[in-house]
Amino acid sequence: MGSNKSLYYLVREDIRKKINNKIYKTNDKLPSEDNLAKDYNVSKLTVRNALTTLVNEGLITRYQGRGTFVTGLSLENKPARIASFFIEMQRDGYKPTSIILEFKISKSNNSISRHLGIRDNDPVVKLKRIRLIDGEPVLLQENYIPENLCPGILNENLESSALTELLESKYRFKQNYAIEKMKAIVADNESVKFLNYKKGLPILYVEGVYYHDDKPLQLVYKKFRGDRYTYVASLFSKAQDNIKS
């Protein structure tokens, strides 16, 4: 039957596959450890170790006296690389979609003007979307772009395509770097409403300015569900950084 290590791996990966394939859906209760041990013909300890790994990854959650439940998606935010949410999620094997809440021309306020280097009340394109993975809302996002940089953009369909790709292919703007600020906040009324979340739970809030040829191209506000996203950063020593530059 193989080593304990291989059995543990097989059990863990089979449960992971069932979660990804929606056999075990979000908020479903998993079978008990005893039942899983019988189903897989392994020891209860092997099952417990497999479940513990999935708990640590955020895919499932144990509740004392209640059992083990499917948490759902466990996504990673990799801010060291500029890439669209849509493309990133496709590469990771998910099905990303968007629900557009607002897509219009509005006037720039003081904060938007300051970030984008434009004047107050200058026209900007506002794009506000709910980003979904396999039908589940995980991110609330607002983008602001000076209107003069992307004429006619309101005619584009951005529910199932990437804004980053559109800016590059149609308007010839390639984002070469970004400055992002991140902090933890608690879910507000907007997050509760649009992300199917509970008020007071953690949100990863990101404010970023994305640049093309050292000039601000767009301002982005993001609210990630804290139970679905993990912040990942690649760090280098000074010597390594010098080698790469």
C-alpha atoms as a PDB file:
ATOM      1  CA  MET A   1       0.000   0.000   0.000  1.00  0.00           C
ATOM      2  CA  GLY A   2       3.038   2.257   0.037  1.00  0.00           C
ATOM      3  CA  SER A   3       4.678   4.306   2.753  1.00  0.00           C
ATOM      4  CA  ASN A   4       2.782   6.411   5.299  1.00  0.00           C
ATOM      5  CA  LYS A   5       4.124   9.497   3.547  1.00  0.00           C
ATOM      6  CA  SER A   6       2.731   8.452   0.157  1.00  0.00           C
ATOM      7  CA  LEU A   7      -0.622   7.481   1.682  1.00  0.00           C
ATOM      8  CA  TYR A   8      -0.860  10.838   3.412  1.00  0.00           C
ATOM      9  CA  TYR A   9      -0.065  12.559   0.096  1.00  0.00           C
ATOM     10  CA  LEU A  10      -2.692  10.561  -1.796  1.00  0.00           C
ATOM     11  CA  VAL A  11      -5.398  11.310   0.770  1.00  0.00           C
ATOM     12  CA  ARG A  12      -4.528  15.014   0.893  1.00  0.00           C
ATOM     13  CA  GLU A  13      -4.451  15.433  -2.881  1.00  0.00           C
ATOM     14  CA  ASP A  14      -7.677  13.489  -3.409  1.00  0.00           C
ATOM     15  CA  ILE A  15      -9.517  15.706  -0.916  1.00  0.00           C
ATOM     16  CA  ARG A  16      -7.969  18.779  -2.541  1.00  0.00           C
ATOM     17  CA  LYS A  17      -9.136  17.539  -5.977  1.00  0.00           C
ATOM     18  CA  LYS A  18     -12.670  17.033  -4.685  1.00  0.00           C
ATOM     19  CA  ILE A  19     -12.707  20.588  -3.308  1.00  0.00           C
ATOM     20  CA  ASN A  20     -11.393  22.037  -6.583  1.00  0.00           C
ATOM     21  CA  ASN A  21     -13.936  20.016  -8.591  1.00  0.00           C
ATOM     22  CA  LYS A  22     -16.769  21.150  -6.296  1.00  0.00           C
ATOM     23  CA  ILE A  23     -17.551  17.634  -5.075  1.00  0.00           C
ATOM     24  CA  TYR A  24     -16.953  19.187  -1.677  1.00  0.00           C
ATOM     25  CA  LYS A  25     -18.363  22.707  -2.002  1.00  0.00           C
ATOM     26  CA  THR A  26     -17.709  25.814   0.084  1.00  0.00           C
ATOM     27  CA  ASN A  27     -19.213  25.423   3.579  1.00  0.00           C
ATOM     28  CA  ASP A  28     -19.780  21.674   3.092  1.00  0.00           C
ATOM     29  CA  LYS A  29     -18.957  19.486   6.086  1.00  0.00           C
ATOM     30  CA  LEU A  30     -16.359  16.805   5.341  1.00  0.00           C
ATOM     31  CA  PRO A  31     -16.880  13.203   6.453  1.00  0.00           C
ATOM     32  CA  SER A  32     -15.483  12.395   9.892  1.00  0.00           C
ATOM     33  CA  GLU A  33     -11.895  11.242  10.291  1.00  0.00           C
ATOM     34  CA  ASP A  34     -13.167   7.729  11.053  1.00  0.00           C
ATOM     35  CA  ASN A  35     -15.225   7.635   7.863  1.00  0.00           C
ATOM     36  CA  LEU A  36     -12.411   9.060   5.756  1.00  0.00           C
ATOM     37  CA  ALA A  37     -10.011   6.477   7.190  1.00  0.00           C
ATOM     38  CA  LYS A  38     -12.424   3.708   6.162  1.00  0.00           C
ATOM     39  CA  ASP A  39     -13.017   5.226   2.720  1.00  0.00           C
ATOM     40  CA  TYR A  40      -9.284   5.489   1.979  1.00  0.00           C
ATOM     41  CA  ASN A  41      -8.337   2.331   3.886  1.00  0.00           C
ATOM     42  CA  VAL A  42      -5.702   4.170   5.907  1.00  0.00           C
ATOM     43  CA  SER A  43      -5.117   4.965   9.551  1.00  0.00           C
ATOM     44  CA  LYS A  44      -6.935   7.779  11.327  1.00  0.00           C
ATOM     45  CA  LEU A  45      -3.554   9.447  11.954  1.00  0.00           C
ATOM     46  CA  THR A  46      -2.836   9.529   8.199  1.00  0.00           C
ATOM     47  CA  VAL A  47      -6.189  11.234   7.593  1.00  0.00           C
ATOM     48  CA  ARG A  48      -5.592  13.708  10.418  1.00  0.00           C
ATOM     49  CA  ASN A  49      -2.179  14.686   9.027  1.00  0.00           C
ATOM     50  CA  ALA A  50      -3.645  15.181   5.533  1.00  0.00           C
ATOM     51  CA  LEU A  51      -6.442  17.359   6.910  1.00  0.00           C
ATOM     52  CA  THR A  52      -4.019  19.399   9.023  1.00  0.00           C
ATOM     53  CA  THR A  53      -2.062  20.364   5.898  1.00  0.00           C
ATOM     54  CA  LEU A  54      -5.255  21.470   4.152  1.00  0.00           C
ATOM     55  CA  VAL A  55      -6.227  23.471   7.247  1.00  0.00           C
ATOM     56  CA  ASN A  56      -2.842  25.228   7.167  1.00  0.00           C
ATOM     57  CA  GLU A  57      -3.378  26.036   3.482  1.00  0.00           C
ATOM     58  CA  GLY A  58      -6.761  27.580   4.273  1.00  0.00           C
ATOM     59  CA  LEU A  59      -8.811  25.131   2.184  1.00  0.00           C
ATOM     60  CA  ILE A  60     -10.667  23.686   5.150  1.00  0.00           C
ATOM     61  CA  THR A  61     -11.436  24.767   8.714  1.00  0.00           C
ATOM     62  CA  ARG A  62     -11.896  22.694  11.871  1.00  0.00           C
ATOM     63  CA  TYR A  63     -14.501  23.686  14.450  1.00  0.00           C
ATOM     64  CA  GLN A  64     -14.378  22.101  17.885  1.00  0.00           C
ATOM     65  CA  GLY A  65     -17.412  19.895  18.390  1.00  0.00           C
ATOM     66  CA  ARG A  66     -18.793  20.626  14.902  1.00  0.00           C
ATOM     67  CA  GLY A  67     -16.401  18.981  12.477  1.00  0.00           C
ATOM     68  CA  THR A  68     -14.354  20.040   9.456  1.00  0.00           C
ATOM     69  CA  PHE A  69     -15.771  22.345   6.786  1.00  0.00           C
ATOM     70  CA  VAL A  70     -14.650  23.483   3.337  1.00  0.00           C
ATOM     71  CA  THR A  71     -13.372  27.058   3.392  1.00  0.00           C
ATOM     72  CA  GLY A  72     -13.117  27.247  -0.370  1.00  0.00           C
ATOM     73  CA  LEU A  73     -10.629  29.062  -2.566  1.00  0.00           C
ATOM     74  CA  SER A  74      -7.135  29.756  -1.322  1.00  0.00           C
ATOM     75  CA  LEU A  75      -5.610  32.353  -3.630  1.00  0.00           C
ATOM     76  CA  GLU A  76      -2.285  34.159  -3.557  1.00  0.00           C
ATOM     77  CA  ASN A  77      -1.607  37.813  -4.260  1.00  0.00           C
ATOM     78  CA  LYS A  78       1.889  38.216  -5.751  1.00  0.00           C
ATOM     79  CA  PRO A  79       2.550  41.962  -5.758  1.00  0.00           C
ATOM     80  CA  ALA A  80       6.144  41.611  -6.950  1.00  0.00           C
ATOM     81  CA  ARG A  81       4.839  40.893 -10.448  1.00  0.00           C
ATOM     82  CA  ILE A  82       2.559  43.194 -12.454  1.00  0.00           C
ATOM     83  CA  ALA A  83      -0.149  41.099 -14.071  1.00  0.00           C
ATOM     84  CA  SER A  84      -3.889  41.337 -14.427  1.00  0.00           C
ATOM     85  CA  PHE A  85      -6.121  39.523 -11.970  1.00  0.00           C
ATOM     86  CA  PHE A  86      -7.874  37.885 -14.928  1.00  0.00           C
ATOM     87  CA  ILE A  87      -4.685  36.481 -16.472  1.00  0.00           C
ATOM     88  CA  GLU A  88      -3.181  35.452 -13.122  1.00  0.00           C
ATOM     89  CA  MET A  89      -6.239  33.440 -12.135  1.00  0.00           C
ATOM     90  CA  GLN A  90      -6.439  31.763 -15.551  1.00  0.00           C
ATOM     91  CA  ARG A  91      -2.801  30.722 -15.213  1.00  0.00           C
ATOM     92  CA  ASP A  92      -3.554  29.226 -11.803  1.00  0.00           C
ATOM     93  CA  GLY A  93      -6.336  27.111 -13.287  1.00  0.00           C
ATOM     94  CA  TYR A  94      -9.359  29.112 -12.117  1.00  0.00           C
ATOM     95  CA  LYS A  95     -12.246  30.613 -14.058  1.00  0.00           C
ATOM     96  CA  PRO A  96     -12.263  34.393 -13.457  1.00  0.00           C
ATOM     97  CA  THR A  97     -15.242  36.601 -14.254  1.00  0.00           C
ATOM     98  CA  SER A  98     -16.353  40.109 -13.344  1.00  0.00           C
ATOM     99  CA  ILE A  99     -19.547  41.919 -12.464  1.00  0.00           C
ATOM    100  CA  ILE A 100     -19.324  45.574 -13.470  1.00  0.00           C
ATOM    101  CA  LEU A 101     -20.900  47.899 -10.914  1.00  0.00           C
ATOM    102  CA  GLU A 102     -19.790  51.186 -12.491  1.00  0.00           C
ATOM    103  CA  PHE A 103     -18.122  51.970 -15.805  1.00  0.00           C
ATOM    104  CA  LYS A 104     -18.348  55.664 -16.565  1.00  0.00           C
ATOM    105  CA  ILE A 105     -16.631  59.014 -16.894  1.00  0.00           C
ATOM    106  CA  SER A 106     -16.480  60.913 -13.594  1.00  0.00           C
ATOM    107  CA  LYS A 107     -14.643  63.914 -12.191  1.00  0.00           C
ATOM    108  CA  SER A 108     -11.349  63.512 -10.419  1.00  0.00           C
ATOM    109  CA  ASN A 109     -11.352  64.392  -6.727  1.00  0.00           C
ATOM    110  CA  ASN A 110      -8.348  65.631  -4.787  1.00  0.00           C
ATOM    111  CA  SER A 111      -7.058  62.177  -3.859  1.00  0.00           C
ATOM    112  CA  ILE A 112      -7.358  60.769  -7.378  1.00  0.00           C
ATOM    113  CA  SER A 113      -5.777  63.909  -8.873  1.00  0.00           C
ATOM    114  CA  ARG A 114      -2.841  63.733  -6.496  1.00  0.00           C
ATOM    115  CA  HIS A 115      -2.117  60.086  -7.319  1.00  0.00           C
ATOM    116  CA  LEU A 116      -2.496  60.492 -11.084  1.00  0.00           C
ATOM    117  CA  GLY A 117      -0.801  63.877 -11.423  1.00  0.00           C
ATOM    118  CA  ILE A 118      -3.856  65.572 -12.927  1.00  0.00           C
ATOM    119  CA  ARG A 119      -6.059  68.509 -11.904  1.00  0.00           C
ATOM    120  CA  ASP A 120      -9.122  68.319  -9.694  1.00  0.00           C
ATOM    121  CA  ASN A 121     -12.310  67.749 -11.691  1.00  0.00           C
ATOM    122  CA  ASP A 122     -10.409  66.427 -14.707  1.00  0.00           C
ATOM    123  CA  PRO A 123     -12.393  63.620 -16.385  1.00  0.00           C
ATOM    124  CA  VAL A 124     -11.363  60.088 -15.385  1.00  0.00           C
ATOM    125  CA  VAL A 125     -12.669  56.673 -16.324  1.00  0.00           C
ATOM    126  CA  LYS A 126     -14.051  54.894 -13.281  1.00  0.00           C
ATOM    127  CA  LEU A 127     -14.313  51.116 -13.447  1.00  0.00           C
ATOM    128  CA  LYS A 128     -15.710  49.388 -10.376  1.00  0.00           C
ATOM    129  CA  ARG A 129     -16.013  45.604 -10.450  1.00  0.00           C
ATOM    130  CA  ILE A 130     -16.642  42.538  -8.344  1.00  0.00           C
ATOM    131  CA  ARG A 131     -14.025  39.956  -9.305  1.00  0.00           C
ATOM    132  CA  LEU A 132     -15.176  36.341  -9.035  1.00  0.00           C
ATOM    133  CA  ILE A 133     -13.352  33.032  -9.116  1.00  0.00           C
ATOM    134  CA  ASP A 134     -15.449  30.050 -10.199  1.00  0.00           C
ATOM    135  CA  GLY A 135     -18.509  32.155  -9.426  1.00  0.00           C
ATOM    136  CA  GLU A 136     -17.415  33.180  -5.927  1.00  0.00           C
ATOM    137  CA  PRO A 137     -16.749  36.899  -5.175  1.00  0.00           C
ATOM    138  CA  VAL A 138     -13.230  37.402  -3.812  1.00  0.00           C
ATOM    139  CA  LEU A 139     -12.236  40.968  -4.738  1.00  0.00           C
ATOM    140  CA  LEU A 140     -13.854  44.394  -4.988  1.00  0.00           C
ATOM    141  CA  GLN A 141     -11.808  46.631  -7.284  1.00  0.00           C
ATOM    142  CA  GLU A 142     -11.913  50.247  -8.478  1.00  0.00           C
ATOM    143  CA  ASN A 143      -9.747  51.574 -11.325  1.00  0.00           C
ATOM    144  CA  TYR A 144      -9.300  55.244 -12.257  1.00  0.00           C
ATOM    145  CA  ILE A 145      -7.626  56.268 -15.532  1.00  0.00           C
ATOM    146  CA  PRO A 146      -7.331  59.762 -17.037  1.00  0.00           C
ATOM    147  CA  GLU A 147     -10.005  59.874 -19.734  1.00  0.00           C
ATOM    148  CA  ASN A 148      -7.705  61.466 -22.315  1.00  0.00           C
ATOM    149  CA  LEU A 149      -5.447  58.378 -22.217  1.00  0.00           C
ATOM    150  CA  CYS A 150      -8.135  55.920 -23.255  1.00  0.00           C
ATOM    151  CA  PRO A 151     -10.783  57.515 -25.495  1.00  0.00           C
ATOM    152  CA  GLY A 152     -13.665  55.203 -26.381  1.00  0.00           C
ATOM    153  CA  ILE A 153     -12.916  52.699 -23.632  1.00  0.00           C
ATOM    154  CA  LEU A 154     -16.527  52.695 -22.434  1.00  0.00           C
ATOM    155  CA  ASN A 155     -17.406  50.759 -25.595  1.00  0.00           C
ATOM    156  CA  GLU A 156     -15.223  47.831 -24.498  1.00  0.00           C
ATOM    157  CA  ASN A 157     -16.506  44.671 -22.773  1.00  0.00           C
ATOM    158  CA  LEU A 158     -14.527  44.191 -19.567  1.00  0.00           C
ATOM    159  CA  GLU A 159     -16.728  41.601 -17.877  1.00  0.00           C
ATOM    160  CA  SER A 160     -14.761  38.703 -19.345  1.00  0.00           C
ATOM    161  CA  SER A 161     -11.494  40.289 -20.462  1.00  0.00           C
ATOM    162  CA  ALA A 162      -8.454  41.950 -18.897  1.00  0.00           C
ATOM    163  CA  LEU A 163      -8.125  45.720 -18.572  1.00  0.00           C
ATOM    164  CA  THR A 164      -4.330  45.403 -18.524  1.00  0.00           C
ATOM    165  CA  GLU A 165      -4.352  43.643 -21.904  1.00  0.00           C
ATOM    166  CA  LEU A 166      -6.729  46.237 -23.363  1.00  0.00           C
ATOM    167  CA  LEU A 167      -4.534  49.133 -22.242  1.00  0.00           C
ATOM    168  CA  GLU A 168      -1.554  47.469 -23.862  1.00  0.00           C
ATOM    169  CA  SER A 169      -3.129  46.217 -27.099  1.00  0.00           C
ATOM    170  CA  LYS A 170      -5.421  49.116 -27.957  1.00  0.00           C
ATOM    171  CA  TYR A 171      -3.832  52.110 -26.247  1.00  0.00           C
ATOM    172  CA  ARG A 172      -0.180  50.959 -26.281  1.00  0.00           C
ATOM    173  CA  PHE A 173       0.322  51.470 -22.546  1.00  0.00           C
ATOM    174  CA  LYS A 174       2.497  48.814 -20.922  1.00  0.00           C
ATOM    175  CA  GLN A 175       2.667  49.090 -17.153  1.00  0.00           C
ATOM    176  CA  ASN A 176       6.343  48.805 -16.257  1.00  0.00           C
ATOM    177  CA  TYR A 177       6.121  49.289 -12.499  1.00  0.00           C
ATOM    178  CA  ALA A 178       3.737  50.046  -9.677  1.00  0.00           C
ATOM    179  CA  ILE A 179       3.753  51.363  -6.129  1.00  0.00           C
ATOM    180  CA  GLU A 180       1.308  49.642  -3.806  1.00  0.00           C
ATOM    181  CA  LYS A 181       0.375  50.265  -0.189  1.00  0.00           C
ATOM    182  CA  MET A 182      -1.315  47.484   1.737  1.00  0.00           C
ATOM    183  CA  LYS A 183      -3.006  47.275   5.087  1.00  0.00           C
ATOM    184  CA  ALA A 184      -5.451  45.105   6.975  1.00  0.00           C
ATOM    185  CA  ILE A 185      -8.911  46.532   7.594  1.00  0.00           C
ATOM    186  CA  VAL A 186     -12.210  45.063   8.735  1.00  0.00           C
ATOM    187  CA  ALA A 187     -15.020  44.390   6.300  1.00  0.00           C
ATOM    188  CA  ASP A 188     -17.263  47.417   5.837  1.00  0.00           C
ATOM    189  CA  ASN A 189     -20.853  47.548   4.569  1.00  0.00           C
ATOM    190  CA  GLU A 190     -19.691  47.633   0.945  1.00  0.00           C
ATOM    191  CA  SER A 191     -17.528  44.520   1.376  1.00  0.00           C
ATOM    192  CA  VAL A 192     -20.366  42.700   3.105  1.00  0.00           C
ATOM    193  CA  LYS A 193     -22.772  43.586   0.311  1.00  0.00           C
ATOM    194  CA  PHE A 194     -20.631  42.811  -2.719  1.00  0.00           C
ATOM    195  CA  LEU A 195     -18.272  40.088  -1.462  1.00  0.00           C
ATOM    196  CA  ASN A 196     -20.809  37.937   0.382  1.00  0.00           C
ATOM    197  CA  TYR A 197     -18.761  38.485   3.532  1.00  0.00           C
ATOM    198  CA  LYS A 198     -19.434  39.117   7.209  1.00  0.00           C
ATOM    199  CA  LYS A 199     -18.962  42.560   8.715  1.00  0.00           C
ATOM    200  CA  GLY A 200     -15.868  42.827  10.886  1.00  0.00           C
ATOM    201  CA  LEU A 201     -13.925  40.012   9.199  1.00  0.00           C
ATOM    202  CA  PRO A 202     -10.468  40.845   7.776  1.00  0.00           C
ATOM    203  CA  ILE A 203      -9.980  42.540   4.417  1.00  0.00           C
ATOM    204  CA  LEU A 204      -6.653  43.030   2.622  1.00  0.00           C
ATOM    205  CA  TYR A 205      -6.859  46.610   1.354  1.00  0.00           C
ATOM    206  CA  VAL A 206      -4.491  47.634  -1.440  1.00  0.00           C
ATOM    207  CA  GLU A 207      -3.981  51.090  -2.943  1.00  0.00           C
ATOM    208  CA  GLY A 208      -1.756  51.161  -6.002  1.00  0.00           C
ATOM    209  CA  VAL A 209      -0.546  53.522  -8.701  1.00  0.00           C
ATOM    210  CA  TYR A 210       0.569  51.840 -11.926  1.00  0.00           C
ATOM    211  CA  TYR A 211       3.036  53.578 -14.232  1.00  0.00           C
ATOM    212  CA  HIS A 212       3.859  53.669 -17.939  1.00  0.00           C
ATOM    213  CA  ASP A 213       7.226  55.271 -18.796  1.00  0.00           C
ATOM    214  CA  ASP A 214       7.408  56.796 -15.299  1.00  0.00           C
ATOM    215  CA  LYS A 215       4.029  58.514 -15.699  1.00  0.00           C
ATOM    216  CA  PRO A 216       0.943  57.470 -13.691  1.00  0.00           C
ATOM    217  CA  LEU A 217      -1.433  55.442 -15.850  1.00  0.00           C
ATOM    218  CA  GLN A 218      -4.038  54.263 -13.376  1.00  0.00           C
ATOM    219  CA  LEU A 219      -4.995  54.312  -9.709  1.00  0.00           C
ATOM    220  CA  VAL A 220      -6.370  51.070  -8.291  1.00  0.00           C
ATOM    221  CA  TYR A 221      -8.163  50.338  -5.036  1.00  0.00           C
ATOM    222  CA  LYS A 222      -8.620  46.681  -4.092  1.00  0.00           C
ATOM    223  CA  LYS A 223     -10.428  44.931  -1.261  1.00  0.00           C
ATOM    224  CA  PHE A 224      -9.559  41.239  -1.037  1.00  0.00           C
ATOM    225  CA  ARG A 225     -11.467  38.817   1.163  1.00  0.00           C
ATOM    226  CA  GLY A 226      -9.084  37.957   3.978  1.00  0.00           C
ATOM    227  CA  ASP A 227     -10.196  34.314   4.055  1.00  0.00           C
ATOM    228  CA  ARG A 228      -9.423  33.825   0.384  1.00  0.00           C
ATOM    229  CA  TYR A 229      -6.148  35.680  -0.206  1.00  0.00           C
ATOM    230  CA  THR A 230      -2.591  35.253   0.985  1.00  0.00           C
ATOM    231  CA  TYR A 231      -0.001  37.999   0.519  1.00  0.00           C
ATOM    232  CA  VAL A 232       3.220  36.647  -1.007  1.00  0.00           C
ATOM    233  CA  ALA A 233       6.405  38.675  -1.515  1.00  0.00           C
ATOM    234  CA  SER A 234       9.848  37.748  -2.842  1.00  0.00           C
ATOM    235  CA  LEU A 235      12.636  39.374  -0.838  1.00  0.00           C
ATOM    236  CA  PHE A 236      16.320  39.628  -1.755  1.00  0.00           C
ATOM    237  CA  SER A 237      19.452  40.658   0.048  1.00  0.00           C
ATOM    238  CA  LYS A 238      21.228  43.800  -1.160  1.00  0.00           C
ATOM    239  CA  ALA A 239      23.886  41.713  -2.901  1.00  0.00           C
ATOM    240  CA  GLN A 240      21.309  39.622  -4.770  1.00  0.00           C
ATOM    241  CA  ASP A 241      19.400  42.735  -5.746  1.00  0.00           C
ATOM    242  CA  ASN A 242      22.517  44.261  -7.220  1.00  0.00           C
ATOM    243  CA  ILE A 243      23.144  41.154  -9.268  1.00  0.00           C
ATOM    244  CA  LYS A 244      19.647  41.292 -10.728  1.00  0.00           C
ATOM    245  CA  SER A 245      19.721  45.014 -11.542  1.00  0.00           C
END
